[in-house]
Amino acid sequence: MTTWEYLTTPLLIHNTAAILNNWGKQGWELVQVVTGPEGGLVGYFKRPVTDAAPANTGLASAAQAAQQFQE
């Protein structure tokens, strides 16, 4: 049975393609985009958990992506 890990991230309107491409390169599949509670867009992603990518690696990926877009 496939097990999944999930990630949510804000999607900046002016940089949406770059954000989606960044997560896609890391193996994340976009599941849904919704309006966040304070406006703006939030992307919901998933990817299968494998031996090479154990559960909760999404937290490290999120931190790395956040740092990339802050620079």
Protein backbone atom coordinates (compact mmCIF):
# COMPACT_ATOMS: atom_id res chain seq x y z
CA MET A 1 0.00 0.00 0.00
CA THR A 2 1.29 3.46 -0.87
CA THR A 3 1.72 5.88 2.01
CA TRP A 4 1.80 9.62 1.41
CA GLU A 5 3.25 12.72 2.95
CA TYR A 6 1.56 16.08 2.52
CA LEU A 7 2.64 19.69 2.36
CA THR A 8 0.84 23.02 2.24
CA THR A 9 2.46 26.24 1.11
CA PRO A 10 1.37 29.76 0.20
CA LEU A 11 1.48 30.55 -3.52
CA LEU A 12 2.64 34.06 -4.31
CA ILE A 13 0.70 35.40 -7.29
CA HIS A 14 3.75 37.02 -8.88
CA ASN A 15 5.86 33.85 -8.59
CA THR A 16 3.41 30.95 -8.79
CA ALA A 17 5.09 29.06 -11.66
CA ALA A 18 8.50 29.14 -9.98
CA ILE A 19 7.04 27.90 -6.69
CA LEU A 20 5.13 25.06 -8.37
CA ASN A 21 8.16 24.06 -10.46
CA ASN A 22 10.36 24.04 -7.35
CA TRP A 23 8.04 21.64 -5.51
CA GLY A 24 7.57 19.51 -8.65
CA LYS A 25 11.33 19.04 -8.97
CA GLN A 26 11.34 17.69 -5.42
CA GLY A 27 8.72 15.08 -6.30
CA TRP A 28 5.64 16.89 -4.95
CA GLU A 29 2.37 16.66 -6.89
CA LEU A 30 -0.07 19.56 -6.68
CA VAL A 31 -3.41 18.28 -5.42
CA GLN A 32 -5.42 21.44 -4.94
CA VAL A 33 -5.22 25.23 -4.71
CA VAL A 34 -7.58 27.02 -2.33
CA THR A 35 -8.02 30.52 -0.97
CA GLY A 36 -6.33 30.82 2.41
CA PRO A 37 -8.06 32.06 5.56
CA GLU A 38 -6.51 35.51 5.17
CA GLY A 39 -6.82 35.63 1.39
CA GLY A 40 -4.11 34.59 -1.02
CA LEU A 41 -3.66 31.12 -2.43
CA VAL A 42 -2.52 27.96 -0.65
CA GLY A 43 -1.23 24.92 -2.54
CA TYR A 44 -1.76 21.40 -1.22
CA PHE A 45 0.81 18.84 -2.36
CA LYS A 46 1.46 15.14 -1.85
CA ARG A 47 4.18 12.64 -2.67
CA PRO A 48 4.68 8.97 -1.90
CA VAL A 49 6.85 8.10 1.06
CA THR A 50 9.78 5.92 0.00
CA ASP A 51 12.92 4.65 1.68
CA ALA A 52 14.80 7.47 -0.07
CA ALA A 53 12.32 10.08 1.21
CA PRO A 54 11.14 9.12 4.70
CA ALA A 55 8.09 10.75 6.27
CA ASN A 56 8.36 14.37 7.41
CA THR A 57 11.02 15.35 4.90
CA GLY A 58 8.44 17.88 3.75
CA LEU A 59 9.38 20.08 6.69
CA ALA A 60 12.99 20.32 5.53
CA SER A 61 11.82 20.93 1.94
CA ALA A 62 9.50 23.69 3.10
CA ALA A 63 12.27 25.42 5.03
CA GLN A 64 14.59 25.19 2.04
CA ALA A 65 11.97 26.60 -0.34
CA ALA A 66 11.06 29.41 2.04
CA GLN A 67 14.70 30.41 2.33
CA GLN A 68 15.11 30.37 -1.47
CA PHE A 69 12.20 32.78 -1.99
CA GLN A 70 13.28 35.11 0.83
CA GLU A 71 16.67 35.74 -0.78
